[in-house]
Amino acid sequence: MTLGERTRPETPTYAECPGPNEARAVALVDDCGQLFPILLAWRRALGREVTGWAEQVEAYDVEHLSQHVTDDWAPGRRLDTMPGGHVKVSDYRDHQPPDTVTAGPCMLMR
């Protein structure tokens, strides 16, 4: 997961999607459910609502991501923190049916 950048004050829901090498924060977890507490911790640290961009990738060390992960970063899921501690998940994938079996860690963008 990478932390999105809200760079358009006139459009409060806009959030850029920086790649893992450009993002202010990156999280790599084994299970996507672990992303939610990380996203909420980022919100507490930044003191405002935040957006995370996530994608399932095969990676085992956030410090040494493979070239194809960083070059081809195109996350299909957006996670927005909402008032009250809720997280809204939006699916931006190409309307493909979900995989029945998932493998590898899930990476969310900061």
PDB file of N, CA and C in Angstrom:
ATOM      1  N   MET A   1       0.868  -1.165   0.000  1.00  0.00           N
ATOM      2  CA  MET A   1       0.000   0.000   0.000  1.00  0.00           C
ATOM      3  C   MET A   1       0.906   1.217   0.000  1.00  0.00           C
ATOM      4  N   THR A   2       0.504   2.226  -0.759  1.00  0.00           N
ATOM      5  CA  THR A   2       1.230   3.491  -0.750  1.00  0.00           C
ATOM      6  C   THR A   2       0.269   4.592  -0.301  1.00  0.00           C
ATOM      7  N   LEU A   3       0.811   5.622   0.266  1.00  0.00           N
ATOM      8  CA  LEU A   3       0.013   6.741   0.740  1.00  0.00           C
ATOM      9  C   LEU A   3      -0.252   7.688  -0.410  1.00  0.00           C
ATOM     10  N   GLY A   4      -1.526   7.953  -0.687  1.00  0.00           N
ATOM     11  CA  GLY A   4      -1.897   8.880  -1.749  1.00  0.00           C
ATOM     12  C   GLY A   4      -1.624  10.313  -1.343  1.00  0.00           C
ATOM     13  N   GLU A   5      -1.427  11.154  -2.342  1.00  0.00           N
ATOM     14  CA  GLU A   5      -1.160  12.571  -2.090  1.00  0.00           C
ATOM     15  C   GLU A   5      -2.373  13.386  -2.508  1.00  0.00           C
ATOM     16  N   ARG A   6      -2.953  14.086  -1.577  1.00  0.00           N
ATOM     17  CA  ARG A   6      -4.114  14.941  -1.856  1.00  0.00           C
ATOM     18  C   ARG A   6      -3.604  16.338  -2.211  1.00  0.00           C
ATOM     19  N   THR A   7      -3.323  16.531  -3.486  1.00  0.00           N
ATOM     20  CA  THR A   7      -2.653  17.751  -3.952  1.00  0.00           C
ATOM     21  C   THR A   7      -3.593  18.779  -4.563  1.00  0.00           C
ATOM     22  N   ARG A   8      -4.875  18.524  -4.551  1.00  0.00           N
ATOM     23  CA  ARG A   8      -5.833  19.467  -5.123  1.00  0.00           C
ATOM     24  C   ARG A   8      -6.830  19.898  -4.049  1.00  0.00           C
ATOM     25  N   PRO A   9      -6.536  20.991  -3.341  1.00  0.00           N
ATOM     26  CA  PRO A   9      -7.425  21.433  -2.262  1.00  0.00           C
ATOM     27  C   PRO A   9      -8.845  21.727  -2.743  1.00  0.00           C
ATOM     28  N   GLU A  10      -8.987  22.139  -4.001  1.00  0.00           N
ATOM     29  CA  GLU A  10     -10.320  22.427  -4.528  1.00  0.00           C
ATOM     30  C   GLU A  10     -11.104  21.141  -4.826  1.00  0.00           C
ATOM     31  N   THR A  11     -10.425  19.996  -4.848  1.00  0.00           N
ATOM     32  CA  THR A  11     -11.067  18.700  -5.068  1.00  0.00           C
ATOM     33  C   THR A  11     -10.645  17.791  -3.917  1.00  0.00           C
ATOM     34  N   PRO A  12     -11.318  17.856  -2.787  1.00  0.00           N
ATOM     35  CA  PRO A  12     -10.853  17.159  -1.583  1.00  0.00           C
ATOM     36  C   PRO A  12     -10.804  15.639  -1.697  1.00  0.00           C
ATOM     37  N   THR A  13     -11.508  15.042  -2.644  1.00  0.00           N
ATOM     38  CA  THR A  13     -11.469  13.579  -2.754  1.00  0.00           C
ATOM     39  C   THR A  13     -10.390  13.100  -3.719  1.00  0.00           C
ATOM     40  N   TYR A  14      -9.702  14.027  -4.403  1.00  0.00           N
ATOM     41  CA  TYR A  14      -8.646  13.640  -5.333  1.00  0.00           C
ATOM     42  C   TYR A  14      -7.419  13.179  -4.548  1.00  0.00           C
ATOM     43  N   ALA A  15      -6.798  12.086  -4.994  1.00  0.00           N
ATOM     44  CA  ALA A  15      -5.569  11.607  -4.360  1.00  0.00           C
ATOM     45  C   ALA A  15      -4.677  10.985  -5.425  1.00  0.00           C
ATOM     46  N   GLU A  16      -3.507  11.596  -5.633  1.00  0.00           N
ATOM     47  CA  GLU A  16      -2.543  11.037  -6.579  1.00  0.00           C
ATOM     48  C   GLU A  16      -2.111   9.664  -6.101  1.00  0.00           C
ATOM     49  N   CYS A  17      -1.609   8.882  -7.039  1.00  0.00           N
ATOM     50  CA  CYS A  17      -1.187   7.515  -6.761  1.00  0.00           C
ATOM     51  C   CYS A  17       0.312   7.379  -7.035  1.00  0.00           C
ATOM     52  N   PRO A  18       1.155   7.795  -6.103  1.00  0.00           N
ATOM     53  CA  PRO A  18       2.596   7.677  -6.344  1.00  0.00           C
ATOM     54  C   PRO A  18       3.042   6.226  -6.287  1.00  0.00           C
ATOM     55  N   GLY A  19       4.099   5.926  -7.014  1.00  0.00           N
ATOM     56  CA  GLY A  19       4.669   4.585  -6.983  1.00  0.00           C
ATOM     57  C   GLY A  19       5.404   4.343  -5.675  1.00  0.00           C
ATOM     58  N   PRO A  20       5.737   3.114  -5.401  1.00  0.00           N
ATOM     59  CA  PRO A  20       6.401   2.779  -4.135  1.00  0.00           C
ATOM     60  C   PRO A  20       7.700   3.547  -3.897  1.00  0.00           C
ATOM     61  N   ASN A  21       8.424   3.891  -4.950  1.00  0.00           N
ATOM     62  CA  ASN A  21       9.681   4.622  -4.767  1.00  0.00           C
ATOM     63  C   ASN A  21       9.468   6.117  -4.548  1.00  0.00           C
ATOM     64  N   GLU A  22       8.278   6.631  -4.886  1.00  0.00           N
ATOM     65  CA  GLU A  22       8.002   8.053  -4.734  1.00  0.00           C
ATOM     66  C   GLU A  22       7.095   8.366  -3.544  1.00  0.00           C
ATOM     67  N   ALA A  23       6.462   7.390  -2.995  1.00  0.00           N
ATOM     68  CA  ALA A  23       5.465   7.601  -1.943  1.00  0.00           C
ATOM     69  C   ALA A  23       6.130   7.969  -0.612  1.00  0.00           C
ATOM     70  N   ARG A  24       5.411   8.763   0.189  1.00  0.00           N
ATOM     71  CA  ARG A  24       5.905   9.120   1.522  1.00  0.00           C
ATOM     72  C   ARG A  24       5.864   7.945   2.472  1.00  0.00           C
ATOM     73  N   ALA A  25       4.958   7.007   2.220  1.00  0.00           N
ATOM     74  CA  ALA A  25       4.843   5.840   3.083  1.00  0.00           C
ATOM     75  C   ALA A  25       4.415   4.640   2.241  1.00  0.00           C
ATOM     76  N   VAL A  26       4.968   3.484   2.572  1.00  0.00           N
ATOM     77  CA  VAL A  26       4.654   2.234   1.874  1.00  0.00           C
ATOM     78  C   VAL A  26       4.487   1.150   2.931  1.00  0.00           C
ATOM     79  N   ALA A  27       3.511   0.282   2.732  1.00  0.00           N
ATOM     80  CA  ALA A  27       3.304  -0.848   3.641  1.00  0.00           C
ATOM     81  C   ALA A  27       3.232  -2.130   2.827  1.00  0.00           C
ATOM     82  N   LEU A  28       3.880  -3.153   3.305  1.00  0.00           N
ATOM     83  CA  LEU A  28       3.847  -4.473   2.687  1.00  0.00           C
ATOM     84  C   LEU A  28       3.400  -5.449   3.762  1.00  0.00           C
ATOM     85  N   VAL A  29       2.303  -6.147   3.507  1.00  0.00           N
ATOM     86  CA  VAL A  29       1.733  -7.051   4.502  1.00  0.00           C
ATOM     87  C   VAL A  29       1.442  -8.407   3.863  1.00  0.00           C
ATOM     88  N   ASP A  30       1.240  -9.403   4.711  1.00  0.00           N
ATOM     89  CA  ASP A  30       0.913 -10.741   4.232  1.00  0.00           C
ATOM     90  C   ASP A  30      -0.563 -10.902   3.914  1.00  0.00           C
ATOM     91  N   ASP A  31      -1.402 -10.129   4.579  1.00  0.00           N
ATOM     92  CA  ASP A  31      -2.848 -10.250   4.413  1.00  0.00           C
ATOM     93  C   ASP A  31      -3.437  -8.849   4.284  1.00  0.00           C
ATOM     94  N   CYS A  32      -4.324  -8.670   3.332  1.00  0.00           N
ATOM     95  CA  CYS A  32      -4.898  -7.338   3.083  1.00  0.00           C
ATOM     96  C   CYS A  32      -5.607  -6.761   4.301  1.00  0.00           C
ATOM     97  N   GLY A  33      -6.122  -7.596   5.175  1.00  0.00           N
ATOM     98  CA  GLY A  33      -6.781  -7.111   6.375  1.00  0.00           C
ATOM     99  C   GLY A  33      -5.837  -6.338   7.285  1.00  0.00           C
ATOM    100  N   GLN A  34      -4.540  -6.559   7.141  1.00  0.00           N
ATOM    101  CA  GLN A  34      -3.556  -5.848   7.949  1.00  0.00           C
ATOM    102  C   GLN A  34      -3.347  -4.412   7.472  1.00  0.00           C
ATOM    103  N   LEU A  35      -3.885  -4.072   6.318  1.00  0.00           N
ATOM    104  CA  LEU A  35      -3.719  -2.719   5.789  1.00  0.00           C
ATOM    105  C   LEU A  35      -4.549  -1.686   6.530  1.00  0.00           C
ATOM    106  N   PHE A  36      -5.718  -2.098   7.011  1.00  0.00           N
ATOM    107  CA  PHE A  36      -6.627  -1.146   7.644  1.00  0.00           C
ATOM    108  C   PHE A  36      -6.026  -0.476   8.874  1.00  0.00           C
ATOM    109  N   PRO A  37      -5.429  -1.229   9.816  1.00  0.00           N
ATOM    110  CA  PRO A  37      -4.826  -0.548  10.963  1.00  0.00           C
ATOM    111  C   PRO A  37      -3.664   0.355  10.561  1.00  0.00           C
ATOM    112  N   ILE A  38      -2.931  -0.015   9.522  1.00  0.00           N
ATOM    113  CA  ILE A  38      -1.827   0.820   9.053  1.00  0.00           C
ATOM    114  C   ILE A  38      -2.371   2.128   8.489  1.00  0.00           C
ATOM    115  N   LEU A  39      -3.409   2.034   7.675  1.00  0.00           N
ATOM    116  CA  LEU A  39      -4.013   3.234   7.098  1.00  0.00           C
ATOM    117  C   LEU A  39      -4.549   4.157   8.193  1.00  0.00           C
ATOM    118  N   LEU A  40      -5.193   3.589   9.193  1.00  0.00           N
ATOM    119  CA  LEU A  40      -5.722   4.403  10.291  1.00  0.00           C
ATOM    120  C   LEU A  40      -4.597   5.018  11.124  1.00  0.00           C
ATOM    121  N   ALA A  41      -3.473   4.313  11.254  1.00  0.00           N
ATOM    122  CA  ALA A  41      -2.315   4.873  11.964  1.00  0.00           C
ATOM    123  C   ALA A  41      -1.724   6.037  11.165  1.00  0.00           C
ATOM    124  N   TRP A  42      -1.693   5.935   9.847  1.00  0.00           N
ATOM    125  CA  TRP A  42      -1.224   7.052   9.019  1.00  0.00           C
ATOM    126  C   TRP A  42      -2.127   8.266   9.220  1.00  0.00           C
ATOM    127  N   ARG A  43      -3.422   8.017   9.312  1.00  0.00           N
ATOM    128  CA  ARG A  43      -4.357   9.130   9.526  1.00  0.00           C
ATOM    129  C   ARG A  43      -4.091   9.789  10.876  1.00  0.00           C
ATOM    130  N   ARG A  44      -3.892   8.998  11.914  1.00  0.00           N
ATOM    131  CA  ARG A  44      -3.589   9.570  13.233  1.00  0.00           C
ATOM    132  C   ARG A  44      -2.289  10.383  13.185  1.00  0.00           C
ATOM    133  N   ALA A  45      -1.282   9.875  12.487  1.00  0.00           N
ATOM    134  CA  ALA A  45       0.014  10.560  12.408  1.00  0.00           C
ATOM    135  C   ALA A  45      -0.076  11.858  11.614  1.00  0.00           C
ATOM    136  N   LEU A  46      -0.899  11.871  10.571  1.00  0.00           N
ATOM    137  CA  LEU A  46      -1.000  13.049   9.714  1.00  0.00           C
ATOM    138  C   LEU A  46      -2.091  14.015  10.160  1.00  0.00           C
ATOM    139  N   GLY A  47      -3.009  13.559  11.006  1.00  0.00           N
ATOM    140  CA  GLY A  47      -4.041  14.431  11.540  1.00  0.00           C
ATOM    141  C   GLY A  47      -5.115  14.817  10.550  1.00  0.00           C
ATOM    142  N   ARG A  48      -5.336  14.007   9.522  1.00  0.00           N
ATOM    143  CA  ARG A  48      -6.364  14.306   8.521  1.00  0.00           C
ATOM    144  C   ARG A  48      -6.731  13.010   7.809  1.00  0.00           C
ATOM    145  N   GLU A  49      -7.799  13.093   7.010  1.00  0.00           N
ATOM    146  CA  GLU A  49      -8.210  11.911   6.241  1.00  0.00           C
ATOM    147  C   GLU A  49      -7.137  11.604   5.194  1.00  0.00           C
ATOM    148  N   VAL A  50      -6.869  10.328   4.968  1.00  0.00           N
ATOM    149  CA  VAL A  50      -5.840   9.923   4.008  1.00  0.00           C
ATOM    150  C   VAL A  50      -6.392   8.876   3.056  1.00  0.00           C
ATOM    151  N   THR A  51      -5.667   8.694   1.967  1.00  0.00           N
ATOM    152  CA  THR A  51      -6.003   7.694   0.957  1.00  0.00           C
ATOM    153  C   THR A  51      -4.814   6.774   0.769  1.00  0.00           C
ATOM    154  N   GLY A  52      -5.086   5.490   0.651  1.00  0.00           N
ATOM    155  CA  GLY A  52      -4.054   4.510   0.325  1.00  0.00           C
ATOM    156  C   GLY A  52      -4.406   3.819  -0.972  1.00  0.00           C
ATOM    157  N   TRP A  53      -3.391   3.499  -1.762  1.00  0.00           N
ATOM    158  CA  TRP A  53      -3.585   2.740  -3.004  1.00  0.00           C
ATOM    159  C   TRP A  53      -2.936   1.384  -2.809  1.00  0.00           C
ATOM    160  N   ALA A  54      -3.654   0.303  -3.171  1.00  0.00           N
ATOM    161  CA  ALA A  54      -3.169  -1.040  -2.880  1.00  0.00           C
ATOM    162  C   ALA A  54      -3.287  -1.960  -4.079  1.00  0.00           C
ATOM    163  N   GLU A  55      -2.409  -2.929  -4.069  1.00  0.00           N
ATOM    164  CA  GLU A  55      -2.429  -3.973  -5.092  1.00  0.00           C
ATOM    165  C   GLU A  55      -1.746  -5.201  -4.521  1.00  0.00           C
ATOM    166  N   GLN A  56      -2.179  -6.354  -4.978  1.00  0.00           N
ATOM    167  CA  GLN A  56      -1.525  -7.590  -4.570  1.00  0.00           C
ATOM    168  C   GLN A  56      -0.297  -7.778  -5.442  1.00  0.00           C
ATOM    169  N   VAL A  57       0.835  -7.954  -4.802  1.00  0.00           N
ATOM    170  CA  VAL A  57       2.095  -8.149  -5.511  1.00  0.00           C
ATOM    171  C   VAL A  57       2.857  -9.288  -4.849  1.00  0.00           C
ATOM    172  N   GLU A  58       3.839  -9.773  -5.555  1.00  0.00           N
ATOM    173  CA  GLU A  58       4.726 -10.755  -4.955  1.00  0.00           C
ATOM    174  C   GLU A  58       6.002 -10.031  -4.572  1.00  0.00           C
ATOM    175  N   ALA A  59       6.162  -9.812  -3.299  1.00  0.00           N
ATOM    176  CA  ALA A  59       7.324  -9.102  -2.759  1.00  0.00           C
ATOM    177  C   ALA A  59       7.508  -9.556  -1.320  1.00  0.00           C
ATOM    178  N   TYR A  60       8.751  -9.573  -0.879  1.00  0.00           N
ATOM    179  CA  TYR A  60       9.018 -10.062   0.466  1.00  0.00           C
ATOM    180  C   TYR A  60       9.813  -9.087   1.317  1.00  0.00           C
ATOM    181  N   ASP A  61      10.196  -7.956   0.736  1.00  0.00           N
ATOM    182  CA  ASP A  61      10.961  -6.965   1.476  1.00  0.00           C
ATOM    183  C   ASP A  61      10.632  -5.595   0.911  1.00  0.00           C
ATOM    184  N   VAL A  62      10.007  -4.743   1.701  1.00  0.00           N
ATOM    185  CA  VAL A  62       9.582  -3.430   1.229  1.00  0.00           C
ATOM    186  C   VAL A  62      10.783  -2.552   0.878  1.00  0.00           C
ATOM    187  N   GLU A  63      11.938  -2.835   1.438  1.00  0.00           N
ATOM    188  CA  GLU A  63      13.139  -2.056   1.140  1.00  0.00           C
ATOM    189  C   GLU A  63      13.773  -2.440  -0.199  1.00  0.00           C
ATOM    190  N   HIS A  64      13.463  -3.627  -0.697  1.00  0.00           N
ATOM    191  CA  HIS A  64      14.074  -4.114  -1.939  1.00  0.00           C
ATOM    192  C   HIS A  64      12.997  -4.678  -2.869  1.00  0.00           C
ATOM    193  N   LEU A  65      12.122  -3.804  -3.339  1.00  0.00           N
ATOM    194  CA  LEU A  65      11.056  -4.242  -4.243  1.00  0.00           C
ATOM    195  C   LEU A  65      11.636  -4.540  -5.619  1.00  0.00           C
ATOM    196  N   SER A  66      11.100  -5.554  -6.263  1.00  0.00           N
ATOM    197  CA  SER A  66      11.595  -5.888  -7.599  1.00  0.00           C
ATOM    198  C   SER A  66      11.253  -4.770  -8.584  1.00  0.00           C
ATOM    199  N   GLN A  67      12.029  -4.684  -9.636  1.00  0.00           N
ATOM    200  CA  GLN A  67      11.871  -3.626 -10.631  1.00  0.00           C
ATOM    201  C   GLN A  67      10.481  -3.635 -11.256  1.00  0.00           C
ATOM    202  N   HIS A  68       9.940  -4.833 -11.533  1.00  0.00           N
ATOM    203  CA  HIS A  68       8.621  -4.886 -12.179  1.00  0.00           C
ATOM    204  C   HIS A  68       7.516  -4.362 -11.255  1.00  0.00           C
ATOM    205  N   VAL A  69       7.666  -4.488  -9.946  1.00  0.00           N
ATOM    206  CA  VAL A  69       6.661  -3.952  -9.020  1.00  0.00           C
ATOM    207  C   VAL A  69       6.676  -2.426  -9.056  1.00  0.00           C
ATOM    208  N   THR A  70       7.859  -1.838  -9.029  1.00  0.00           N
ATOM    209  CA  THR A  70       7.948  -0.383  -9.015  1.00  0.00           C
ATOM    210  C   THR A  70       7.646   0.226 -10.383  1.00  0.00           C
ATOM    211  N   ASP A  71       8.089  -0.415 -11.453  1.00  0.00           N
ATOM    212  CA  ASP A  71       7.860   0.126 -12.801  1.00  0.00           C
ATOM    213  C   ASP A  71       6.412  -0.016 -13.245  1.00  0.00           C
ATOM    214  N   ASP A  72       5.761  -1.092 -12.852  1.00  0.00           N
ATOM    215  CA  ASP A  72       4.405  -1.390 -13.317  1.00  0.00           C
ATOM    216  C   ASP A  72       3.345  -1.086 -12.262  1.00  0.00           C
ATOM    217  N   TRP A  73       3.626  -0.205 -11.317  1.00  0.00           N
ATOM    218  CA  TRP A  73       2.697   0.076 -10.225  1.00  0.00           C
ATOM    219  C   TRP A  73       1.399   0.644 -10.783  1.00  0.00           C
ATOM    220  N   ALA A  74       0.345  -0.118 -10.675  1.00  0.00           N
ATOM    221  CA  ALA A  74      -0.985   0.307 -11.129  1.00  0.00           C
ATOM    222  C   ALA A  74      -2.014  -0.314 -10.194  1.00  0.00           C
ATOM    223  N   PRO A  75      -2.115   0.205  -8.979  1.00  0.00           N
ATOM    224  CA  PRO A  75      -3.008  -0.408  -7.993  1.00  0.00           C
ATOM    225  C   PRO A  75      -4.463  -0.330  -8.413  1.00  0.00           C
ATOM    226  N   GLY A  76      -5.189  -1.371  -8.073  1.00  0.00           N
ATOM    227  CA  GLY A  76      -6.592  -1.447  -8.443  1.00  0.00           C
ATOM    228  C   GLY A  76      -7.550  -1.156  -7.309  1.00  0.00           C
ATOM    229  N   ARG A  77      -7.017  -0.889  -6.127  1.00  0.00           N
ATOM    230  CA  ARG A  77      -7.891  -0.635  -4.977  1.00  0.00           C
ATOM    231  C   ARG A  77      -7.492   0.658  -4.287  1.00  0.00           C
ATOM    232  N   ARG A  78      -8.510   1.442  -3.956  1.00  0.00           N
ATOM    233  CA  ARG A  78      -8.302   2.699  -3.245  1.00  0.00           C
ATOM    234  C   ARG A  78      -8.958   2.565  -1.882  1.00  0.00           C
ATOM    235  N   LEU A  79      -8.245   2.958  -0.838  1.00  0.00           N
ATOM    236  CA  LEU A  79      -8.760   2.915   0.523  1.00  0.00           C
ATOM    237  C   LEU A  79      -8.754   4.331   1.075  1.00  0.00           C
ATOM    238  N   ASP A  80      -9.930   4.823   1.438  1.00  0.00           N
ATOM    239  CA  ASP A  80     -10.060   6.168   1.987  1.00  0.00           C
ATOM    240  C   ASP A  80     -10.518   6.090   3.434  1.00  0.00           C
ATOM    241  N   THR A  81      -9.816   6.818   4.310  1.00  0.00           N
ATOM    242  CA  THR A  81     -10.299   6.901   5.689  1.00  0.00           C
ATOM    243  C   THR A  81     -11.488   7.845   5.714  1.00  0.00           C
ATOM    244  N   MET A  82     -12.426   7.534   6.577  1.00  0.00           N
ATOM    245  CA  MET A  82     -13.659   8.303   6.693  1.00  0.00           C
ATOM    246  C   MET A  82     -13.842   8.704   8.153  1.00  0.00           C
ATOM    247  N   PRO A  83     -14.625   9.737   8.398  1.00  0.00           N
ATOM    248  CA  PRO A  83     -14.904  10.113   9.792  1.00  0.00           C
ATOM    249  C   PRO A  83     -15.484   8.922  10.565  1.00  0.00           C
ATOM    250  N   GLY A  84     -15.141   8.843  11.816  1.00  0.00           N
ATOM    251  CA  GLY A  84     -15.640   7.766  12.660  1.00  0.00           C
ATOM    252  C   GLY A  84     -14.766   6.525  12.649  1.00  0.00           C
ATOM    253  N   GLY A  85     -13.605   6.590  11.968  1.00  0.00           N
ATOM    254  CA  GLY A  85     -12.693   5.450  11.938  1.00  0.00           C
ATOM    255  C   GLY A  85     -13.008   4.410  10.887  1.00  0.00           C
ATOM    256  N   HIS A  86     -13.873   4.736   9.947  1.00  0.00           N
ATOM    257  CA  HIS A  86     -14.224   3.802   8.893  1.00  0.00           C
ATOM    258  C   HIS A  86     -13.267   3.944   7.717  1.00  0.00           C
ATOM    259  N   VAL A  87     -13.182   2.881   6.903  1.00  0.00           N
ATOM    260  CA  VAL A  87     -12.382   2.892   5.686  1.00  0.00           C
ATOM    261  C   VAL A  87     -13.276   2.496   4.526  1.00  0.00           C
ATOM    262  N   LYS A  88     -13.306   3.334   3.487  1.00  0.00           N
ATOM    263  CA  LYS A  88     -14.071   3.041   2.266  1.00  0.00           C
ATOM    264  C   LYS A  88     -13.102   2.431   1.255  1.00  0.00           C
ATOM    265  N   VAL A  89     -13.468   1.264   0.723  1.00  0.00           N
ATOM    266  CA  VAL A  89     -12.637   0.578  -0.272  1.00  0.00           C
ATOM    267  C   VAL A  89     -13.329   0.686  -1.620  1.00  0.00           C
ATOM    268  N   SER A  90     -12.594   1.195  -2.625  1.00  0.00           N
ATOM    269  CA  SER A  90     -13.113   1.312  -3.987  1.00  0.00           C
ATOM    270  C   SER A  90     -12.270   0.440  -4.901  1.00  0.00           C
ATOM    271  N   ASP A  91     -12.930  -0.292  -5.781  1.00  0.00           N
ATOM    272  CA  ASP A  91     -12.254  -1.205  -6.699  1.00  0.00           C
ATOM    273  C   ASP A  91     -12.138  -0.543  -8.067  1.00  0.00           C
ATOM    274  N   TYR A  92     -10.914  -0.287  -8.498  1.00  0.00           N
ATOM    275  CA  TYR A  92     -10.659   0.355  -9.782  1.00  0.00           C
ATOM    276  C   TYR A  92     -10.116  -0.626 -10.823  1.00  0.00           C
ATOM    277  N   ARG A  93     -10.183  -1.915 -10.535  1.00  0.00           N
ATOM    278  CA  ARG A  93      -9.718  -2.902 -11.510  1.00  0.00           C
ATOM    279  C   ARG A  93     -10.658  -2.917 -12.702  1.00  0.00           C
ATOM    280  N   ASP A  94     -10.252  -3.545 -13.765  1.00  0.00           N
ATOM    281  CA  ASP A  94     -11.006  -3.549 -15.027  1.00  0.00           C
ATOM    282  C   ASP A  94     -12.226  -4.449 -14.997  1.00  0.00           C
ATOM    283  N   HIS A  95     -12.960  -4.424 -13.935  1.00  0.00           N
ATOM    284  CA  HIS A  95     -14.202  -5.194 -13.797  1.00  0.00           C
ATOM    285  C   HIS A  95     -14.013  -6.667 -14.133  1.00  0.00           C
ATOM    286  N   GLN A  96     -12.862  -7.208 -13.749  1.00  0.00           N
ATOM    287  CA  GLN A  96     -12.601  -8.628 -13.934  1.00  0.00           C
ATOM    288  C   GLN A  96     -13.104  -9.368 -12.708  1.00  0.00           C
ATOM    289  N   PRO A  97     -13.576 -10.586 -12.894  1.00  0.00           N
ATOM    290  CA  PRO A  97     -14.031 -11.338 -11.718  1.00  0.00           C
ATOM    291  C   PRO A  97     -12.865 -11.570 -10.762  1.00  0.00           C
ATOM    292  N   PRO A  98     -13.112 -11.517  -9.452  1.00  0.00           N
ATOM    293  CA  PRO A  98     -12.026 -11.724  -8.501  1.00  0.00           C
ATOM    294  C   PRO A  98     -11.469 -13.136  -8.588  1.00  0.00           C
ATOM    295  N   ASP A  99     -10.169 -13.255  -8.301  1.00  0.00           N
ATOM    296  CA  ASP A  99      -9.537 -14.569  -8.248  1.00  0.00           C
ATOM    297  C   ASP A  99     -10.133 -15.352  -7.090  1.00  0.00           C
ATOM    298  N   THR A 100     -10.290 -16.646  -7.292  1.00  0.00           N
ATOM    299  CA  THR A 100     -10.807 -17.464  -6.205  1.00  0.00           C
ATOM    300  C   THR A 100      -9.701 -17.833  -5.229  1.00  0.00           C
ATOM    301  N   VAL A 101      -8.464 -17.836  -5.705  1.00  0.00           N
ATOM    302  CA  VAL A 101      -7.327 -18.137  -4.847  1.00  0.00           C
ATOM    303  C   VAL A 101      -6.331 -16.994  -4.985  1.00  0.00           C
ATOM    304  N   THR A 102      -5.884 -16.460  -3.871  1.00  0.00           N
ATOM    305  CA  THR A 102      -4.881 -15.404  -3.920  1.00  0.00           C
ATOM    306  C   THR A 102      -3.608 -15.918  -3.283  1.00  0.00           C
ATOM    307  N   ALA A 103      -2.504 -15.455  -3.799  1.00  0.00           N
ATOM    308  CA  ALA A 103      -1.217 -15.872  -3.261  1.00  0.00           C
ATOM    309  C   ALA A 103      -0.319 -14.661  -3.146  1.00  0.00           C
ATOM    310  N   GLY A 104       0.575 -14.696  -2.204  1.00  0.00           N
ATOM    311  CA  GLY A 104       1.533 -13.619  -2.051  1.00  0.00           C
ATOM    312  C   GLY A 104       0.989 -12.509  -1.183  1.00  0.00           C
ATOM    313  N   PRO A 105       1.878 -11.638  -0.763  1.00  0.00           N
ATOM    314  CA  PRO A 105       1.471 -10.536   0.105  1.00  0.00           C
ATOM    315  C   PRO A 105       0.693  -9.478  -0.659  1.00  0.00           C
ATOM    316  N   CYS A 106       0.020  -8.659   0.062  1.00  0.00           N
ATOM    317  CA  CYS A 106      -0.765  -7.576  -0.514  1.00  0.00           C
ATOM    318  C   CYS A 106      -0.059  -6.281  -0.171  1.00  0.00           C
ATOM    319  N   MET A 107       0.143  -5.441  -1.163  1.00  0.00           N
ATOM    320  CA  MET A 107       0.842  -4.187  -0.948  1.00  0.00           C
ATOM    321  C   MET A 107      -0.130  -3.045  -1.116  1.00  0.00           C
ATOM    322  N   LEU A 108      -0.152  -2.122  -0.189  1.00  0.00           N
ATOM    323  CA  LEU A 108      -1.015  -0.958  -0.289  1.00  0.00           C
ATOM    324  C   LEU A 108      -0.171   0.282  -0.410  1.00  0.00           C
ATOM    325  N   MET A 109      -0.635   1.157  -1.173  1.00  0.00           N
ATOM    326  CA  MET A 109       0.080   2.390  -1.392  1.00  0.00           C
ATOM    327  C   MET A 109      -0.173   3.388  -0.297  1.00  0.00           C
ATOM    328  N   ARG A 110       0.814   4.174   0.018  1.00  0.00           N
ATOM    329  CA  ARG A 110       0.654   5.160   1.086  1.00  0.00           C
ATOM    330  C   ARG A 110      -0.155   6.321   0.641  1.00  0.00           C
TER     331      ARG A 110
END
